[in-house]
Amino acid sequence: MVYRPFRSTYYDAQMRASPALLRARAPYLVKNTITGIAICGVAIGIYSYTIRVISQDEFDDVIVPDEPVKHPQASSTTEGVKQAVAAGK
């Protein structure tokens, strides 16, 4: 016996749509197509608007701080401790 997950009058044994299913979907085909195009159009519009606005951003008003002053460091920490101990004697 062949296993069938469900029995439906809308699909045949090869899981192809029957004429009844095609007739049931027919009234909604145009409405669903228009809705799908509208949703895709809104998503593409938001994406392109965002890219356009971001690409126009200029950072002329941002103040960039100068490079911090680098202080000369001791060659190593242990030498600094040795110098401090020697000065304390």
PDB file of N, CA and C in Angstrom:
ATOM      1  N   MET A   1       0.843  -1.181   0.000  1.00  0.00           N
ATOM      2  CA  MET A   1       0.000   0.000   0.000  1.00  0.00           C
ATOM      3  C   MET A   1       0.885   1.240   0.000  1.00  0.00           C
ATOM      4  N   VAL A   2       0.530   2.214  -0.815  1.00  0.00           N
ATOM      5  CA  VAL A   2       1.297   3.437  -0.957  1.00  0.00           C
ATOM      6  C   VAL A   2       0.930   4.394   0.173  1.00  0.00           C
ATOM      7  N   TYR A   3       1.984   4.941   0.812  1.00  0.00           N
ATOM      8  CA  TYR A   3       1.757   5.908   1.889  1.00  0.00           C
ATOM      9  C   TYR A   3       1.383   7.249   1.292  1.00  0.00           C
ATOM     10  N   ARG A   4       0.303   7.839   1.773  1.00  0.00           N
ATOM     11  CA  ARG A   4      -0.110   9.177   1.368  1.00  0.00           C
ATOM     12  C   ARG A   4      -0.277  10.007   2.627  1.00  0.00           C
ATOM     13  N   PRO A   5       0.442  11.113   2.742  1.00  0.00           N
ATOM     14  CA  PRO A   5       0.371  11.907   3.967  1.00  0.00           C
ATOM     15  C   PRO A   5      -1.015  12.481   4.228  1.00  0.00           C
ATOM     16  N   PHE A   6      -1.735  12.783   3.184  1.00  0.00           N
ATOM     17  CA  PHE A   6      -3.105  13.270   3.338  1.00  0.00           C
ATOM     18  C   PHE A   6      -3.870  12.964   2.062  1.00  0.00           C
ATOM     19  N   ARG A   7      -5.156  12.915   2.185  1.00  0.00           N
ATOM     20  CA  ARG A   7      -6.006  12.677   1.018  1.00  0.00           C
ATOM     21  C   ARG A   7      -6.685  13.987   0.684  1.00  0.00           C
ATOM     22  N   SER A   8      -6.522  14.413  -0.548  1.00  0.00           N
ATOM     23  CA  SER A   8      -7.083  15.675  -0.981  1.00  0.00           C
ATOM     24  C   SER A   8      -7.687  15.508  -2.366  1.00  0.00           C
ATOM     25  N   THR A   9      -8.768  16.218  -2.585  1.00  0.00           N
ATOM     26  CA  THR A   9      -9.374  16.184  -3.912  1.00  0.00           C
ATOM     27  C   THR A   9      -8.728  17.212  -4.834  1.00  0.00           C
ATOM     28  N   TYR A  10      -7.861  18.067  -4.293  1.00  0.00           N
ATOM     29  CA  TYR A  10      -7.219  19.098  -5.098  1.00  0.00           C
ATOM     30  C   TYR A  10      -5.922  18.624  -5.744  1.00  0.00           C
ATOM     31  N   TYR A  11      -5.372  17.485  -5.302  1.00  0.00           N
ATOM     32  CA  TYR A  11      -4.119  16.971  -5.849  1.00  0.00           C
ATOM     33  C   TYR A  11      -4.310  15.526  -6.279  1.00  0.00           C
ATOM     34  N   ASP A  12      -3.659  15.147  -7.367  1.00  0.00           N
ATOM     35  CA  ASP A  12      -3.755  13.762  -7.811  1.00  0.00           C
ATOM     36  C   ASP A  12      -2.625  12.945  -7.180  1.00  0.00           C
ATOM     37  N   ALA A  13      -2.422  11.712  -7.617  1.00  0.00           N
ATOM     38  CA  ALA A  13      -1.435  10.817  -7.024  1.00  0.00           C
ATOM     39  C   ALA A  13      -0.012  11.338  -7.204  1.00  0.00           C
ATOM     40  N   GLN A  14       0.264  12.087  -8.267  1.00  0.00           N
ATOM     41  CA  GLN A  14       1.601  12.651  -8.485  1.00  0.00           C
ATOM     42  C   GLN A  14       1.750  14.041  -7.865  1.00  0.00           C
ATOM     43  N   MET A  15       0.803  14.436  -7.025  1.00  0.00           N
ATOM     44  CA  MET A  15       0.789  15.720  -6.320  1.00  0.00           C
ATOM     45  C   MET A  15       0.748  16.913  -7.284  1.00  0.00           C
ATOM     46  N   ARG A  16       0.086  16.746  -8.407  1.00  0.00           N
ATOM     47  CA  ARG A  16      -0.145  17.851  -9.339  1.00  0.00           C
ATOM     48  C   ARG A  16      -1.496  18.466  -9.037  1.00  0.00           C
ATOM     49  N   ALA A  17      -1.616  19.761  -9.308  1.00  0.00           N
ATOM     50  CA  ALA A  17      -2.873  20.458  -9.045  1.00  0.00           C
ATOM     51  C   ALA A  17      -3.962  19.953  -9.989  1.00  0.00           C
ATOM     52  N   SER A  18      -5.119  19.735  -9.408  1.00  0.00           N
ATOM     53  CA  SER A  18      -6.241  19.265 -10.222  1.00  0.00           C
ATOM     54  C   SER A  18      -6.957  20.466 -10.844  1.00  0.00           C
ATOM     55  N   PRO A  19      -7.809  20.235 -11.824  1.00  0.00           N
ATOM     56  CA  PRO A  19      -8.588  21.342 -12.401  1.00  0.00           C
ATOM     57  C   PRO A  19      -9.453  22.053 -11.367  1.00  0.00           C
ATOM     58  N   ALA A  20      -9.912  21.333 -10.351  1.00  0.00           N
ATOM     59  CA  ALA A  20     -10.722  21.967  -9.306  1.00  0.00           C
ATOM     60  C   ALA A  20      -9.893  22.983  -8.521  1.00  0.00           C
ATOM     61  N   LEU A  21      -8.651  22.641  -8.223  1.00  0.00           N
ATOM     62  CA  LEU A  21      -7.776  23.569  -7.503  1.00  0.00           C
ATOM     63  C   LEU A  21      -7.467  24.794  -8.361  1.00  0.00           C
ATOM     64  N   LEU A  22      -7.214  24.592  -9.620  1.00  0.00           N
ATOM     65  CA  LEU A  22      -6.949  25.715 -10.509  1.00  0.00           C
ATOM     66  C   LEU A  22      -8.157  26.642 -10.613  1.00  0.00           C
ATOM     67  N   ARG A  23      -9.365  26.062 -10.660  1.00  0.00           N
ATOM     68  CA  ARG A  23     -10.583  26.877 -10.689  1.00  0.00           C
ATOM     69  C   ARG A  23     -10.770  27.627  -9.381  1.00  0.00           C
ATOM     70  N   ALA A  24     -10.411  26.999  -8.247  1.00  0.00           N
ATOM     71  CA  ALA A  24     -10.582  27.649  -6.943  1.00  0.00           C
ATOM     72  C   ALA A  24      -9.612  28.816  -6.773  1.00  0.00           C
ATOM     73  N   ARG A  25      -8.437  28.711  -7.355  1.00  0.00           N
ATOM     74  CA  ARG A  25      -7.429  29.768  -7.226  1.00  0.00           C
ATOM     75  C   ARG A  25      -7.592  30.886  -8.251  1.00  0.00           C
ATOM     76  N   ALA A  26      -8.288  30.645  -9.317  1.00  0.00           N
ATOM     77  CA  ALA A  26      -8.385  31.592 -10.424  1.00  0.00           C
ATOM     78  C   ALA A  26      -8.879  32.984 -10.020  1.00  0.00           C
ATOM     79  N   PRO A  27      -9.909  33.135  -9.179  1.00  0.00           N
ATOM     80  CA  PRO A  27     -10.379  34.491  -8.852  1.00  0.00           C
ATOM     81  C   PRO A  27      -9.349  35.330  -8.099  1.00  0.00           C
ATOM     82  N   TYR A  28      -8.406  34.689  -7.440  1.00  0.00           N
ATOM     83  CA  TYR A  28      -7.447  35.409  -6.613  1.00  0.00           C
ATOM     84  C   TYR A  28      -6.112  35.642  -7.313  1.00  0.00           C
ATOM     85  N   LEU A  29      -5.948  35.130  -8.511  1.00  0.00           N
ATOM     86  CA  LEU A  29      -4.666  35.211  -9.199  1.00  0.00           C
ATOM     87  C   LEU A  29      -4.244  36.655  -9.455  1.00  0.00           C
ATOM     88  N   VAL A  30      -5.118  37.476  -9.971  1.00  0.00           N
ATOM     89  CA  VAL A  30      -4.773  38.860 -10.293  1.00  0.00           C
ATOM     90  C   VAL A  30      -4.540  39.661  -9.017  1.00  0.00           C
ATOM     91  N   LYS A  31      -5.415  39.499  -8.028  1.00  0.00           N
ATOM     92  CA  LYS A  31      -5.261  40.236  -6.771  1.00  0.00           C
ATOM     93  C   LYS A  31      -3.954  39.863  -6.066  1.00  0.00           C
ATOM     94  N   ASN A  32      -3.640  38.585  -6.030  1.00  0.00           N
ATOM     95  CA  ASN A  32      -2.406  38.144  -5.372  1.00  0.00           C
ATOM     96  C   ASN A  32      -1.172  38.632  -6.130  1.00  0.00           C
ATOM     97  N   THR A  33      -1.241  38.654  -7.444  1.00  0.00           N
ATOM     98  CA  THR A  33      -0.114  39.139  -8.237  1.00  0.00           C
ATOM     99  C   THR A  33       0.112  40.626  -7.994  1.00  0.00           C
ATOM    100  N   ILE A  34      -0.952  41.399  -7.969  1.00  0.00           N
ATOM    101  CA  ILE A  34      -0.831  42.836  -7.709  1.00  0.00           C
ATOM    102  C   ILE A  34      -0.298  43.084  -6.304  1.00  0.00           C
ATOM    103  N   THR A  35      -0.785  42.336  -5.333  1.00  0.00           N
ATOM    104  CA  THR A  35      -0.306  42.492  -3.957  1.00  0.00           C
ATOM    105  C   THR A  35       1.176  42.139  -3.855  1.00  0.00           C
ATOM    106  N   GLY A  36       1.591  41.074  -4.503  1.00  0.00           N
ATOM    107  CA  GLY A  36       2.999  40.677  -4.479  1.00  0.00           C
ATOM    108  C   GLY A  36       3.896  41.719  -5.110  1.00  0.00           C
ATOM    109  N   ILE A  37       3.453  42.280  -6.237  1.00  0.00           N
ATOM    110  CA  ILE A  37       4.236  43.327  -6.895  1.00  0.00           C
ATOM    111  C   ILE A  37       4.317  44.566  -6.013  1.00  0.00           C
ATOM    112  N   ALA A  38       3.219  44.910  -5.348  1.00  0.00           N
ATOM    113  CA  ALA A  38       3.214  46.082  -4.462  1.00  0.00           C
ATOM    114  C   ALA A  38       4.160  45.886  -3.279  1.00  0.00           C
ATOM    115  N   ILE A  39       4.146  44.714  -2.678  1.00  0.00           N
ATOM    116  CA  ILE A  39       5.030  44.453  -1.539  1.00  0.00           C
ATOM    117  C   ILE A  39       6.498  44.502  -1.973  1.00  0.00           C
ATOM    118  N   CYS A  40       6.803  43.891  -3.116  1.00  0.00           N
ATOM    119  CA  CYS A  40       8.182  43.937  -3.635  1.00  0.00           C
ATOM    120  C   CYS A  40       8.581  45.364  -3.978  1.00  0.00           C
ATOM    121  N   GLY A  41       7.659  46.144  -4.539  1.00  0.00           N
ATOM    122  CA  GLY A  41       7.952  47.533  -4.877  1.00  0.00           C
ATOM    123  C   GLY A  41       8.252  48.378  -3.649  1.00  0.00           C
ATOM    124  N   VAL A  42       7.483  48.166  -2.580  1.00  0.00           N
ATOM    125  CA  VAL A  42       7.733  48.907  -1.336  1.00  0.00           C
ATOM    126  C   VAL A  42       9.102  48.534  -0.770  1.00  0.00           C
ATOM    127  N   ALA A  43       9.430  47.252  -0.752  1.00  0.00           N
ATOM    128  CA  ALA A  43      10.724  46.817  -0.215  1.00  0.00           C
ATOM    129  C   ALA A  43      11.876  47.387  -1.042  1.00  0.00           C
ATOM    130  N   ILE A  44      11.777  47.345  -2.350  1.00  0.00           N
ATOM    131  CA  ILE A  44      12.833  47.882  -3.213  1.00  0.00           C
ATOM    132  C   ILE A  44      12.922  49.400  -3.064  1.00  0.00           C
ATOM    133  N   GLY A  45      11.779  50.069  -2.927  1.00  0.00           N
ATOM    134  CA  GLY A  45      11.772  51.514  -2.736  1.00  0.00           C
ATOM    135  C   GLY A  45      12.447  51.927  -1.440  1.00  0.00           C
ATOM    136  N   ILE A  46      12.155  51.228  -0.350  1.00  0.00           N
ATOM    137  CA  ILE A  46      12.785  51.541   0.939  1.00  0.00           C
ATOM    138  C   ILE A  46      14.288  51.304   0.867  1.00  0.00           C
ATOM    139  N   TYR A  47      14.690  50.209   0.246  1.00  0.00           N
ATOM    140  CA  TYR A  47      16.116  49.886   0.116  1.00  0.00           C
ATOM    141  C   TYR A  47      16.827  50.959  -0.700  1.00  0.00           C
ATOM    142  N   SER A  48      16.287  51.336  -1.856  1.00  0.00           N
ATOM    143  CA  SER A  48      16.967  52.320  -2.695  1.00  0.00           C
ATOM    144  C   SER A  48      16.963  53.702  -2.052  1.00  0.00           C
ATOM    145  N   TYR A  49      15.899  54.078  -1.357  1.00  0.00           N
ATOM    146  CA  TYR A  49      15.875  55.364  -0.648  1.00  0.00           C
ATOM    147  C   TYR A  49      16.960  55.394   0.423  1.00  0.00           C
ATOM    148  N   THR A  50      17.088  54.307   1.176  1.00  0.00           N
ATOM    149  CA  THR A  50      18.087  54.251   2.241  1.00  0.00           C
ATOM    150  C   THR A  50      19.498  54.355   1.674  1.00  0.00           C
ATOM    151  N   ILE A  51      19.783  53.624   0.610  1.00  0.00           N
ATOM    152  CA  ILE A  51      21.105  53.685  -0.006  1.00  0.00           C
ATOM    153  C   ILE A  51      21.388  55.085  -0.546  1.00  0.00           C
ATOM    154  N   ARG A  52      20.403  55.716  -1.149  1.00  0.00           N
ATOM    155  CA  ARG A  52      20.590  57.063  -1.711  1.00  0.00           C
ATOM    156  C   ARG A  52      20.868  58.075  -0.602  1.00  0.00           C
ATOM    157  N   VAL A  53      20.137  57.999   0.498  1.00  0.00           N
ATOM    158  CA  VAL A  53      20.318  58.959   1.586  1.00  0.00           C
ATOM    159  C   VAL A  53      21.668  58.747   2.267  1.00  0.00           C
ATOM    160  N   ILE A  54      22.054  57.527   2.480  1.00  0.00           N
ATOM    161  CA  ILE A  54      23.322  57.250   3.156  1.00  0.00           C
ATOM    162  C   ILE A  54      24.505  57.661   2.276  1.00  0.00           C
ATOM    163  N   SER A  55      24.406  57.464   0.981  1.00  0.00           N
ATOM    164  CA  SER A  55      25.524  57.798   0.105  1.00  0.00           C
ATOM    165  C   SER A  55      25.737  59.307   0.004  1.00  0.00           C
ATOM    166  N   GLN A  56      24.768  60.120   0.351  1.00  0.00           N
ATOM    167  CA  GLN A  56      24.899  61.575   0.307  1.00  0.00           C
ATOM    168  C   GLN A  56      25.490  62.149   1.582  1.00  0.00           C
ATOM    169  N   ASP A  57      25.673  61.330   2.589  1.00  0.00           N
ATOM    170  CA  ASP A  57      26.154  61.825   3.875  1.00  0.00           C
ATOM    171  C   ASP A  57      27.600  62.281   3.762  1.00  0.00           C
ATOM    172  N   GLU A  58      27.860  63.498   4.221  1.00  0.00           N
ATOM    173  CA  GLU A  58      29.206  64.042   4.233  1.00  0.00           C
ATOM    174  C   GLU A  58      29.607  64.289   5.676  1.00  0.00           C
ATOM    175  N   PHE A  59      30.843  64.081   5.964  1.00  0.00           N
ATOM    176  CA  PHE A  59      31.323  64.199   7.334  1.00  0.00           C
ATOM    177  C   PHE A  59      32.190  65.444   7.513  1.00  0.00           C
ATOM    178  N   ASP A  60      31.879  66.527   6.794  1.00  0.00           N
ATOM    179  CA  ASP A  60      32.648  67.762   6.915  1.00  0.00           C
ATOM    180  C   ASP A  60      32.455  68.427   8.277  1.00  0.00           C
ATOM    181  N   ASP A  61      31.335  68.226   8.927  1.00  0.00           N
ATOM    182  CA  ASP A  61      31.053  68.867  10.194  1.00  0.00           C
ATOM    183  C   ASP A  61      31.623  68.110  11.395  1.00  0.00           C
ATOM    184  N   VAL A  62      32.196  66.945  11.169  1.00  0.00           N
ATOM    185  CA  VAL A  62      32.748  66.151  12.260  1.00  0.00           C
ATOM    186  C   VAL A  62      34.181  66.605  12.524  1.00  0.00           C
ATOM    187  N   ILE A  63      34.455  66.941  13.773  1.00  0.00           N
ATOM    188  CA  ILE A  63      35.801  67.387  14.157  1.00  0.00           C
ATOM    189  C   ILE A  63      36.633  66.163  14.484  1.00  0.00           C
ATOM    190  N   VAL A  64      37.736  66.023  13.777  1.00  0.00           N
ATOM    191  CA  VAL A  64      38.632  64.899  14.006  1.00  0.00           C
ATOM    192  C   VAL A  64      39.733  65.372  14.944  1.00  0.00           C
ATOM    193  N   PRO A  65      39.897  64.721  16.100  1.00  0.00           N
ATOM    194  CA  PRO A  65      40.931  65.167  17.036  1.00  0.00           C
ATOM    195  C   PRO A  65      42.327  64.873  16.485  1.00  0.00           C
ATOM    196  N   ASP A  66      43.306  65.676  16.994  1.00  0.00           N
ATOM    197  CA  ASP A  66      44.692  65.459  16.592  1.00  0.00           C
ATOM    198  C   ASP A  66      45.181  64.126  17.145  1.00  0.00           C
ATOM    199  N   GLU A  67      46.285  63.670  16.589  1.00  0.00           N
ATOM    200  CA  GLU A  67      46.876  62.424  17.068  1.00  0.00           C
ATOM    201  C   GLU A  67      47.396  62.650  18.482  1.00  0.00           C
ATOM    202  N   PRO A  68      47.144  61.726  19.392  1.00  0.00           N
ATOM    203  CA  PRO A  68      47.595  61.918  20.777  1.00  0.00           C
ATOM    204  C   PRO A  68      49.123  61.978  20.859  1.00  0.00           C
ATOM    205  N   VAL A  69      49.599  62.749  21.824  1.00  0.00           N
ATOM    206  CA  VAL A  69      51.035  62.909  22.024  1.00  0.00           C
ATOM    207  C   VAL A  69      51.581  61.616  22.610  1.00  0.00           C
ATOM    208  N   LYS A  70      52.655  61.131  22.020  1.00  0.00           N
ATOM    209  CA  LYS A  70      53.273  59.896  22.514  1.00  0.00           C
ATOM    210  C   LYS A  70      54.432  60.267  23.427  1.00  0.00           C
ATOM    211  N   HIS A  71      54.369  59.786  24.657  1.00  0.00           N
ATOM    212  CA  HIS A  71      55.436  60.034  25.630  1.00  0.00           C
ATOM    213  C   HIS A  71      56.475  58.931  25.517  1.00  0.00           C
ATOM    214  N   PRO A  72      57.752  59.290  25.631  1.00  0.00           N
ATOM    215  CA  PRO A  72      58.770  58.231  25.598  1.00  0.00           C
ATOM    216  C   PRO A  72      58.618  57.332  26.823  1.00  0.00           C
ATOM    217  N   GLN A  73      58.631  56.050  26.598  1.00  0.00           N
ATOM    218  CA  GLN A  73      58.468  55.097  27.696  1.00  0.00           C
ATOM    219  C   GLN A  73      59.831  54.544  28.074  1.00  0.00           C
ATOM    220  N   ALA A  74      59.930  54.087  29.313  1.00  0.00           N
ATOM    221  CA  ALA A  74      61.165  53.440  29.771  1.00  0.00           C
ATOM    222  C   ALA A  74      61.336  52.159  28.978  1.00  0.00           C
ATOM    223  N   SER A  75      62.574  51.681  28.859  1.00  0.00           N
ATOM    224  CA  SER A  75      62.813  50.503  28.033  1.00  0.00           C
ATOM    225  C   SER A  75      62.056  49.296  28.570  1.00  0.00           C
ATOM    226  N   SER A  76      61.928  49.211  29.884  1.00  0.00           N
ATOM    227  CA  SER A  76      61.094  48.162  30.458  1.00  0.00           C
ATOM    228  C   SER A  76      60.678  48.575  31.853  1.00  0.00           C
ATOM    229  N   THR A  77      59.686  47.937  32.368  1.00  0.00           N
ATOM    230  CA  THR A  77      59.173  48.275  33.691  1.00  0.00           C
ATOM    231  C   THR A  77      60.168  47.894  34.777  1.00  0.00           C
ATOM    232  N   THR A  78      60.829  46.787  34.598  1.00  0.00           N
ATOM    233  CA  THR A  78      61.774  46.345  35.637  1.00  0.00           C
ATOM    234  C   THR A  78      62.944  47.305  35.766  1.00  0.00           C
ATOM    235  N   GLU A  79      63.377  47.917  34.687  1.00  0.00           N
ATOM    236  CA  GLU A  79      64.472  48.889  34.778  1.00  0.00           C
ATOM    237  C   GLU A  79      64.025  50.117  35.547  1.00  0.00           C
ATOM    238  N   GLY A  80      62.785  50.519  35.367  1.00  0.00           N
ATOM    239  CA  GLY A  80      62.274  51.657  36.125  1.00  0.00           C
ATOM    240  C   GLY A  80      62.212  51.373  37.610  1.00  0.00           C
ATOM    241  N   VAL A  81      61.852  50.129  37.952  1.00  0.00           N
ATOM    242  CA  VAL A  81      61.799  49.756  39.377  1.00  0.00           C
ATOM    243  C   VAL A  81      63.225  49.712  39.938  1.00  0.00           C
ATOM    244  N   LYS A  82      64.156  49.200  39.181  1.00  0.00           N
ATOM    245  CA  LYS A  82      65.549  49.136  39.634  1.00  0.00           C
ATOM    246  C   LYS A  82      66.093  50.539  39.862  1.00  0.00           C
ATOM    247  N   GLN A  83      65.782  51.491  38.990  1.00  0.00           N
ATOM    248  CA  GLN A  83      66.236  52.847  39.157  1.00  0.00           C
ATOM    249  C   GLN A  83      65.630  53.476  40.385  1.00  0.00           C
ATOM    250  N   ALA A  84      64.359  53.192  40.670  1.00  0.00           N
ATOM    251  CA  ALA A  84      63.719  53.743  41.848  1.00  0.00           C
ATOM    252  C   ALA A  84      64.317  53.176  43.119  1.00  0.00           C
ATOM    253  N   VAL A  85      64.642  51.885  43.135  1.00  0.00           N
ATOM    254  CA  VAL A  85      65.255  51.262  44.306  1.00  0.00           C
ATOM    255  C   VAL A  85      66.658  51.832  44.516  1.00  0.00           C
ATOM    256  N   ALA A  86      67.414  52.017  43.435  1.00  0.00           N
ATOM    257  CA  ALA A  86      68.774  52.557  43.536  1.00  0.00           C
ATOM    258  C   ALA A  86      68.733  53.998  44.041  1.00  0.00           C
ATOM    259  N   ALA A  87      67.748  54.768  43.667  1.00  0.00           N
ATOM    260  CA  ALA A  87      67.652  56.143  44.112  1.00  0.00           C
ATOM    261  C   ALA A  87      67.272  56.209  45.584  1.00  0.00           C
ATOM    262  N   GLY A  88      66.579  55.189  46.089  1.00  0.00           N
ATOM    263  CA  GLY A  88      66.142  55.169  47.480  1.00  0.00           C
ATOM    264  C   GLY A  88      67.271  54.788  48.430  1.00  0.00           C
ATOM    265  N   LYS A  89      68.349  54.229  47.960  1.00  0.00           N
ATOM    266  CA  LYS A  89      69.461  53.799  48.821  1.00  0.00           C
ATOM    267  C   LYS A  89      70.303  54.931  49.243  1.00  0.00           C
TER     268      LYS A  89
END
